Amino acid sequence: IRDGQPNCYVLKNKDLEQAFKGVIYLEMD
């Protein structure tokens, strides 16, 4: 985590091995 930057993450499948559909935007500190 790099502080305070909004990031766009590609949503993955249940075992996190491949892209699923869509993206999510998270900002973490």
PDB file of all heavy atoms in Angstrom:
ATOM      1  N   ILE A   1       0.824  -1.205   0.000  1.00  0.00           N
ATOM      2  CA  ILE A   1       0.000   0.000   0.000  1.00  0.00           C
ATOM      3  C   ILE A   1       0.861   1.259   0.000  1.00  0.00           C
ATOM      4  O   ILE A   1       1.760   1.416   0.811  1.00  0.00           O
ATOM      5  CB  ILE A   1      -0.961  -0.009   1.205  1.00  0.00           C
ATOM      6  CG1 ILE A   1      -1.999  -1.107   1.013  1.00  0.00           C
ATOM      7  CG2 ILE A   1      -1.631   1.358   1.376  1.00  0.00           C
ATOM      8  CD1 ILE A   1      -2.893  -1.336   2.210  1.00  0.00           C
ATOM      9  N   ARG A   2       0.580   2.105  -0.959  1.00  0.00           N
ATOM     10  CA  ARG A   2       1.221   3.425  -1.017  1.00  0.00           C
ATOM     11  C   ARG A   2       0.186   4.431  -0.556  1.00  0.00           C
ATOM     12  O   ARG A   2      -0.927   4.442  -1.066  1.00  0.00           O
ATOM     13  CB  ARG A   2       1.668   3.745  -2.442  1.00  0.00           C
ATOM     14  CG  ARG A   2       2.657   2.740  -3.006  1.00  0.00           C
ATOM     15  CD  ARG A   2       4.033   2.877  -2.353  1.00  0.00           C
ATOM     16  NE  ARG A   2       4.914   1.771  -2.683  1.00  0.00           N
ATOM     17  CZ  ARG A   2       5.113   0.716  -1.908  1.00  0.00           C
ATOM     18  NH1 ARG A   2       4.462   0.573  -0.764  1.00  0.00           N
ATOM     19  NH2 ARG A   2       5.950  -0.231  -2.270  1.00  0.00           N
ATOM     20  N   ASP A   3       0.574   5.283   0.364  1.00  0.00           N
ATOM     21  CA  ASP A   3      -0.413   6.073   1.080  1.00  0.00           C
ATOM     22  C   ASP A   3      -1.294   6.966   0.222  1.00  0.00           C
ATOM     23  O   ASP A   3      -0.817   7.711  -0.624  1.00  0.00           O
ATOM     24  CB  ASP A   3       0.296   6.951   2.118  1.00  0.00           C
ATOM     25  CG  ASP A   3       0.728   6.127   3.315  1.00  0.00           C
ATOM     26  OD1 ASP A   3       0.368   4.936   3.339  1.00  0.00           O
ATOM     27  OD2 ASP A   3       1.400   6.668   4.185  1.00  0.00           O
ATOM     28  N   GLY A   4      -2.573   6.840   0.477  1.00  0.00           N
ATOM     29  CA  GLY A   4      -3.534   7.863   0.107  1.00  0.00           C
ATOM     30  C   GLY A   4      -3.803   8.095  -1.353  1.00  0.00           C
ATOM     31  O   GLY A   4      -4.428   9.077  -1.717  1.00  0.00           O
ATOM     32  N   GLN A   5      -3.352   7.209  -2.229  1.00  0.00           N
ATOM     33  CA  GLN A   5      -3.649   7.407  -3.648  1.00  0.00           C
ATOM     34  C   GLN A   5      -4.844   6.547  -4.047  1.00  0.00           C
ATOM     35  O   GLN A   5      -4.880   5.364  -3.717  1.00  0.00           O
ATOM     36  CB  GLN A   5      -2.449   6.986  -4.511  1.00  0.00           C
ATOM     37  CG  GLN A   5      -1.214   7.825  -4.280  1.00  0.00           C
ATOM     38  CD  GLN A   5      -1.457   9.292  -4.562  1.00  0.00           C
ATOM     39  OE1 GLN A   5      -2.037   9.666  -5.589  1.00  0.00           O
ATOM     40  NE2 GLN A   5      -1.035  10.144  -3.648  1.00  0.00           N
ATOM     41  N   PRO A   6      -5.825   7.138  -4.754  1.00  0.00           N
ATOM     42  CA  PRO A   6      -6.902   6.286  -5.279  1.00  0.00           C
ATOM     43  C   PRO A   6      -6.305   5.336  -6.320  1.00  0.00           C
ATOM     44  O   PRO A   6      -5.552   5.771  -7.186  1.00  0.00           O
ATOM     45  CB  PRO A   6      -7.856   7.272  -5.949  1.00  0.00           C
ATOM     46  CG  PRO A   6      -7.466   8.615  -5.454  1.00  0.00           C
ATOM     47  CD  PRO A   6      -6.023   8.543  -5.070  1.00  0.00           C
ATOM     48  N   ASN A   7      -6.609   4.058  -6.194  1.00  0.00           N
ATOM     49  CA  ASN A   7      -6.099   3.074  -7.130  1.00  0.00           C
ATOM     50  C   ASN A   7      -7.238   2.289  -7.733  1.00  0.00           C
ATOM     51  O   ASN A   7      -8.238   2.024  -7.080  1.00  0.00           O
ATOM     52  CB  ASN A   7      -5.152   2.100  -6.421  1.00  0.00           C
ATOM     53  CG  ASN A   7      -3.762   2.679  -6.258  1.00  0.00           C
ATOM     54  OD1 ASN A   7      -3.124   3.040  -7.234  1.00  0.00           O
ATOM     55  ND2 ASN A   7      -3.310   2.781  -5.017  1.00  0.00           N
ATOM     56  N   CYS A   8      -7.039   1.891  -8.979  1.00  0.00           N
ATOM     57  CA  CYS A   8      -8.019   1.082  -9.689  1.00  0.00           C
ATOM     58  C   CYS A   8      -7.499  -0.352  -9.716  1.00  0.00           C
ATOM     59  O   CYS A   8      -6.387  -0.597 -10.160  1.00  0.00           O
ATOM     60  CB  CYS A   8      -8.165   1.619 -11.107  1.00  0.00           C
ATOM     61  SG  CYS A   8      -9.268   0.649 -12.105  1.00  0.00           S
ATOM     62  N   TYR A   9      -8.300  -1.287  -9.199  1.00  0.00           N
ATOM     63  CA  TYR A   9      -7.909  -2.693  -9.170  1.00  0.00           C
ATOM     64  C   TYR A   9      -8.851  -3.502 -10.038  1.00  0.00           C
ATOM     65  O   TYR A   9     -10.067  -3.347  -9.961  1.00  0.00           O
ATOM     66  CB  TYR A   9      -7.967  -3.247  -7.740  1.00  0.00           C
ATOM     67  CG  TYR A   9      -6.993  -2.585  -6.806  1.00  0.00           C
ATOM     68  CD1 TYR A   9      -7.363  -1.465  -6.075  1.00  0.00           C
ATOM     69  CD2 TYR A   9      -5.701  -3.087  -6.648  1.00  0.00           C
ATOM     70  CE1 TYR A   9      -6.465  -0.848  -5.210  1.00  0.00           C
ATOM     71  CE2 TYR A   9      -4.791  -2.478  -5.784  1.00  0.00           C
ATOM     72  CZ  TYR A   9      -5.187  -1.368  -5.072  1.00  0.00           C
ATOM     73  OH  TYR A   9      -4.300  -0.760  -4.222  1.00  0.00           O
ATOM     74  N   VAL A  10      -8.272  -4.386 -10.859  1.00  0.00           N
ATOM     75  CA  VAL A  10      -9.088  -5.289 -11.663  1.00  0.00           C
ATOM     76  C   VAL A  10      -9.634  -6.376 -10.749  1.00  0.00           C
ATOM     77  O   VAL A  10      -8.887  -6.985  -9.981  1.00  0.00           O
ATOM     78  CB  VAL A  10      -8.234  -5.925 -12.788  1.00  0.00           C
ATOM     79  CG1 VAL A  10      -9.040  -6.980 -13.544  1.00  0.00           C
ATOM     80  CG2 VAL A  10      -7.741  -4.849 -13.739  1.00  0.00           C
ATOM     81  N   LEU A  11     -10.935  -6.606 -10.797  1.00  0.00           N
ATOM     82  CA  LEU A  11     -11.539  -7.670  -9.992  1.00  0.00           C
ATOM     83  C   LEU A  11     -11.128  -9.029 -10.540  1.00  0.00           C
ATOM     84  O   LEU A  11     -11.127  -9.255 -11.752  1.00  0.00           O
ATOM     85  CB  LEU A  11     -13.066  -7.535  -9.993  1.00  0.00           C
ATOM     86  CG  LEU A  11     -13.586  -6.330  -9.192  1.00  0.00           C
ATOM     87  CD1 LEU A  11     -15.047  -6.064  -9.511  1.00  0.00           C
ATOM     88  CD2 LEU A  11     -13.399  -6.540  -7.700  1.00  0.00           C
ATOM     89  N   LYS A  12     -10.777  -9.927  -9.615  1.00  0.00           N
ATOM     90  CA  LYS A  12     -10.315 -11.261  -9.992  1.00  0.00           C
ATOM     91  C   LYS A  12     -11.371 -12.303  -9.638  1.00  0.00           C
ATOM     92  O   LYS A  12     -12.336 -12.024  -8.932  1.00  0.00           O
ATOM     93  CB  LYS A  12      -9.016 -11.594  -9.233  1.00  0.00           C
ATOM     94  CG  LYS A  12      -7.879 -10.599  -9.480  1.00  0.00           C
ATOM     95  CD  LYS A  12      -7.199 -10.896 -10.795  1.00  0.00           C
ATOM     96  CE  LYS A  12      -5.965 -10.036 -11.020  1.00  0.00           C
ATOM     97  NZ  LYS A  12      -4.900 -10.243 -10.039  1.00  0.00           N
ATOM     98  N   ASN A  13     -11.128 -13.535 -10.093  1.00  0.00           N
ATOM     99  CA  ASN A  13     -12.021 -14.631  -9.729  1.00  0.00           C
ATOM    100  C   ASN A  13     -11.724 -15.075  -8.293  1.00  0.00           C
ATOM    101  O   ASN A  13     -10.853 -14.537  -7.623  1.00  0.00           O
ATOM    102  CB  ASN A  13     -11.908 -15.789 -10.729  1.00  0.00           C
ATOM    103  CG  ASN A  13     -10.519 -16.421 -10.735  1.00  0.00           C
ATOM    104  OD1 ASN A  13      -9.601 -15.966 -10.045  1.00  0.00           O
ATOM    105  ND2 ASN A  13     -10.346 -17.458 -11.529  1.00  0.00           N
ATOM    106  N   LYS A  14     -12.466 -16.103  -7.828  1.00  0.00           N
ATOM    107  CA  LYS A  14     -12.397 -16.467  -6.412  1.00  0.00           C
ATOM    108  C   LYS A  14     -11.004 -16.852  -5.956  1.00  0.00           C
ATOM    109  O   LYS A  14     -10.612 -16.550  -4.835  1.00  0.00           O
ATOM    110  CB  LYS A  14     -13.366 -17.613  -6.108  1.00  0.00           C
ATOM    111  CG  LYS A  14     -14.798 -17.135  -5.983  1.00  0.00           C
ATOM    112  CD  LYS A  14     -15.737 -18.262  -5.565  1.00  0.00           C
ATOM    113  CE  LYS A  14     -17.143 -17.731  -5.356  1.00  0.00           C
ATOM    114  NZ  LYS A  14     -18.157 -18.377  -6.194  1.00  0.00           N
ATOM    115  N   ASP A  15     -10.248 -17.551  -6.809  1.00  0.00           N
ATOM    116  CA  ASP A  15      -8.906 -17.946  -6.365  1.00  0.00           C
ATOM    117  C   ASP A  15      -7.846 -16.930  -6.799  1.00  0.00           C
ATOM    118  O   ASP A  15      -6.648 -17.192  -6.690  1.00  0.00           O
ATOM    119  CB  ASP A  15      -8.548 -19.356  -6.844  1.00  0.00           C
ATOM    120  CG  ASP A  15      -8.699 -19.508  -8.357  1.00  0.00           C
ATOM    121  OD1 ASP A  15      -8.761 -18.482  -9.053  1.00  0.00           O
ATOM    122  OD2 ASP A  15      -8.764 -20.648  -8.831  1.00  0.00           O
ATOM    123  N   LEU A  16      -8.317 -15.765  -7.265  1.00  0.00           N
ATOM    124  CA  LEU A  16      -7.442 -14.639  -7.599  1.00  0.00           C
ATOM    125  C   LEU A  16      -6.473 -14.933  -8.735  1.00  0.00           C
ATOM    126  O   LEU A  16      -5.457 -14.269  -8.886  1.00  0.00           O
ATOM    127  CB  LEU A  16      -6.643 -14.196  -6.351  1.00  0.00           C
ATOM    128  CG  LEU A  16      -7.496 -13.676  -5.195  1.00  0.00           C
ATOM    129  CD1 LEU A  16      -6.677 -13.604  -3.915  1.00  0.00           C
ATOM    130  CD2 LEU A  16      -8.057 -12.304  -5.540  1.00  0.00           C
ATOM    131  N   GLU A  17      -6.803 -15.945  -9.553  1.00  0.00           N
ATOM    132  CA  GLU A  17      -5.849 -16.329 -10.583  1.00  0.00           C
ATOM    133  C   GLU A  17      -6.083 -15.650 -11.921  1.00  0.00           C
ATOM    134  O   GLU A  17      -5.183 -15.568 -12.730  1.00  0.00           O
ATOM    135  CB  GLU A  17      -5.841 -17.852 -10.765  1.00  0.00           C
ATOM    136  CG  GLU A  17      -5.042 -18.516  -9.646  1.00  0.00           C
ATOM    137  CD  GLU A  17      -5.025 -20.025  -9.740  1.00  0.00           C
ATOM    138  OE1 GLU A  17      -5.570 -20.559 -10.723  1.00  0.00           O
ATOM    139  OE2 GLU A  17      -4.482 -20.650  -8.819  1.00  0.00           O
ATOM    140  N   GLN A  18      -7.314 -15.199 -12.160  1.00  0.00           N
ATOM    141  CA  GLN A  18      -7.526 -14.489 -13.420  1.00  0.00           C
ATOM    142  C   GLN A  18      -8.549 -13.387 -13.249  1.00  0.00           C
ATOM    143  O   GLN A  18      -9.292 -13.356 -12.270  1.00  0.00           O
ATOM    144  CB  GLN A  18      -7.950 -15.456 -14.532  1.00  0.00           C
ATOM    145  CG  GLN A  18      -9.174 -16.273 -14.190  1.00  0.00           C
ATOM    146  CD  GLN A  18      -9.184 -17.587 -14.966  1.00  0.00           C
ATOM    147  OE1 GLN A  18      -8.155 -18.221 -15.124  1.00  0.00           O
ATOM    148  NE2 GLN A  18     -10.349 -17.990 -15.442  1.00  0.00           N
ATOM    149  N   ALA A  19      -8.538 -12.488 -14.216  1.00  0.00           N
ATOM    150  CA  ALA A  19      -9.473 -11.368 -14.163  1.00  0.00           C
ATOM    151  C   ALA A  19     -10.897 -11.898 -14.266  1.00  0.00           C
ATOM    152  O   ALA A  19     -11.179 -12.864 -14.979  1.00  0.00           O
ATOM    153  CB  ALA A  19      -9.176 -10.393 -15.297  1.00  0.00           C
ATOM    154  N   PHE A  20     -11.807 -11.257 -13.543  1.00  0.00           N
ATOM    155  CA  PHE A  20     -13.213 -11.661 -13.561  1.00  0.00           C
ATOM    156  C   PHE A  20     -13.961 -10.689 -14.459  1.00  0.00           C
ATOM    157  O   PHE A  20     -13.980 -10.835 -15.664  1.00  0.00           O
ATOM    158  CB  PHE A  20     -13.762 -11.684 -12.128  1.00  0.00           C
ATOM    159  CG  PHE A  20     -15.067 -12.386 -11.985  1.00  0.00           C
ATOM    160  CD1 PHE A  20     -15.154 -13.766 -12.136  1.00  0.00           C
ATOM    161  CD2 PHE A  20     -16.223 -11.686 -11.689  1.00  0.00           C
ATOM    162  CE1 PHE A  20     -16.370 -14.428 -12.006  1.00  0.00           C
ATOM    163  CE2 PHE A  20     -17.440 -12.338 -11.555  1.00  0.00           C
ATOM    164  CZ  PHE A  20     -17.512 -13.708 -11.711  1.00  0.00           C
ATOM    165  N   LYS A  21     -14.566  -9.649 -13.890  1.00  0.00           N
ATOM    166  CA  LYS A  21     -15.191  -8.613 -14.711  1.00  0.00           C
ATOM    167  C   LYS A  21     -15.274  -7.350 -13.894  1.00  0.00           C
ATOM    168  O   LYS A  21     -15.694  -7.386 -12.740  1.00  0.00           O
ATOM    169  CB  LYS A  21     -16.599  -9.042 -15.153  1.00  0.00           C
ATOM    170  CG  LYS A  21     -17.356  -7.959 -15.924  1.00  0.00           C
ATOM    171  CD  LYS A  21     -18.173  -8.575 -17.052  1.00  0.00           C
ATOM    172  CE  LYS A  21     -19.062  -7.595 -17.813  1.00  0.00           C
ATOM    173  NZ  LYS A  21     -18.518  -6.259 -18.034  1.00  0.00           N
ATOM    174  N   GLY A  22     -14.875  -6.249 -14.491  1.00  0.00           N
ATOM    175  CA  GLY A  22     -15.006  -4.971 -13.807  1.00  0.00           C
ATOM    176  C   GLY A  22     -13.785  -4.593 -12.978  1.00  0.00           C
ATOM    177  O   GLY A  22     -12.817  -5.349 -12.866  1.00  0.00           O
ATOM    178  N   VAL A  23     -13.868  -3.400 -12.403  1.00  0.00           N
ATOM    179  CA  VAL A  23     -12.778  -2.855 -11.596  1.00  0.00           C
ATOM    180  C   VAL A  23     -13.356  -2.229 -10.342  1.00  0.00           C
ATOM    181  O   VAL A  23     -14.551  -1.920 -10.276  1.00  0.00           O
ATOM    182  CB  VAL A  23     -11.977  -1.776 -12.372  1.00  0.00           C
ATOM    183  CG1 VAL A  23     -11.270  -2.374 -13.581  1.00  0.00           C
ATOM    184  CG2 VAL A  23     -12.888  -0.618 -12.790  1.00  0.00           C
ATOM    185  N   ILE A  24     -12.487  -2.049  -9.344  1.00  0.00           N
ATOM    186  CA  ILE A  24     -12.900  -1.374  -8.121  1.00  0.00           C
ATOM    187  C   ILE A  24     -11.866  -0.313  -7.782  1.00  0.00           C
ATOM    188  O   ILE A  24     -10.667  -0.494  -8.036  1.00  0.00           O
ATOM    189  CB  ILE A  24     -13.099  -2.383  -6.965  1.00  0.00           C
ATOM    190  CG1 ILE A  24     -13.733  -1.686  -5.757  1.00  0.00           C
ATOM    191  CG2 ILE A  24     -11.786  -3.073  -6.609  1.00  0.00           C
ATOM    192  CD1 ILE A  24     -14.262  -2.657  -4.706  1.00  0.00           C
ATOM    193  N   TYR A  25     -12.357   0.807  -7.266  1.00  0.00           N
ATOM    194  CA  TYR A  25     -11.481   1.922  -6.902  1.00  0.00           C
ATOM    195  C   TYR A  25     -11.390   2.017  -5.383  1.00  0.00           C
ATOM    196  O   TYR A  25     -12.409   2.152  -4.707  1.00  0.00           O
ATOM    197  CB  TYR A  25     -12.032   3.235  -7.458  1.00  0.00           C
ATOM    198  CG  TYR A  25     -11.986   3.317  -8.971  1.00  0.00           C
ATOM    199  CD1 TYR A  25     -13.001   2.750  -9.739  1.00  0.00           C
ATOM    200  CD2 TYR A  25     -10.929   3.945  -9.626  1.00  0.00           C
ATOM    201  CE1 TYR A  25     -12.965   2.810 -11.123  1.00  0.00           C
ATOM    202  CE2 TYR A  25     -10.880   4.010 -11.014  1.00  0.00           C
ATOM    203  CZ  TYR A  25     -11.904   3.445 -11.758  1.00  0.00           C
ATOM    204  OH  TYR A  25     -11.858   3.504 -13.135  1.00  0.00           O
ATOM    205  N   LEU A  26     -10.176   1.924  -4.880  1.00  0.00           N
ATOM    206  CA  LEU A  26      -9.934   1.972  -3.441  1.00  0.00           C
ATOM    207  C   LEU A  26      -8.850   2.993  -3.139  1.00  0.00           C
ATOM    208  O   LEU A  26      -7.925   3.177  -3.919  1.00  0.00           O
ATOM    209  CB  LEU A  26      -9.452   0.605  -2.931  1.00  0.00           C
ATOM    210  CG  LEU A  26     -10.344  -0.605  -3.210  1.00  0.00           C
ATOM    211  CD1 LEU A  26      -9.596  -1.883  -2.867  1.00  0.00           C
ATOM    212  CD2 LEU A  26     -11.628  -0.507  -2.409  1.00  0.00           C
ATOM    213  N   GLU A  27      -9.004   3.631  -1.991  1.00  0.00           N
ATOM    214  CA  GLU A  27      -7.987   4.574  -1.536  1.00  0.00           C
ATOM    215  C   GLU A  27      -7.592   4.124  -0.131  1.00  0.00           C
ATOM    216  O   GLU A  27      -8.453   3.989   0.732  1.00  0.00           O
ATOM    217  CB  GLU A  27      -8.611   5.971  -1.500  1.00  0.00           C
ATOM    218  CG  GLU A  27      -7.642   7.102  -1.343  1.00  0.00           C
ATOM    219  CD  GLU A  27      -8.400   8.424  -1.392  1.00  0.00           C
ATOM    220  OE1 GLU A  27      -9.061   8.712  -2.413  1.00  0.00           O
ATOM    221  OE2 GLU A  27      -8.337   9.150  -0.389  1.00  0.00           O
ATOM    222  N   MET A  28      -6.310   3.849   0.070  1.00  0.00           N
ATOM    223  CA  MET A  28      -5.900   3.268   1.342  1.00  0.00           C
ATOM    224  C   MET A  28      -4.781   4.048   2.005  1.00  0.00           C
ATOM    225  O   MET A  28      -3.898   4.567   1.337  1.00  0.00           O
ATOM    226  CB  MET A  28      -5.463   1.819   1.124  1.00  0.00           C
ATOM    227  CG  MET A  28      -6.656   0.932   0.822  1.00  0.00           C
ATOM    228  SD  MET A  28      -6.190  -0.669   0.208  1.00  0.00           S
ATOM    229  CE  MET A  28      -5.509  -0.228  -1.361  1.00  0.00           C
ATOM    230  N   ASP A  29      -4.854   4.106   3.315  1.00  0.00           N
ATOM    231  CA  ASP A  29      -3.856   4.802   4.102  1.00  0.00           C
ATOM    232  C   ASP A  29      -3.438   3.927   5.265  1.00  0.00           C
ATOM    233  O   ASP A  29      -4.280   3.423   5.994  1.00  0.00           O
ATOM    234  CB  ASP A  29      -4.440   6.094   4.700  1.00  0.00           C
ATOM    235  CG  ASP A  29      -3.884   7.319   3.997  1.00  0.00           C
ATOM    236  OD1 ASP A  29      -2.663   7.338   3.757  1.00  0.00           O
ATOM    237  OD2 ASP A  29      -4.665   8.239   3.699  1.00  0.00           O
TER     238      ASP A  29
END
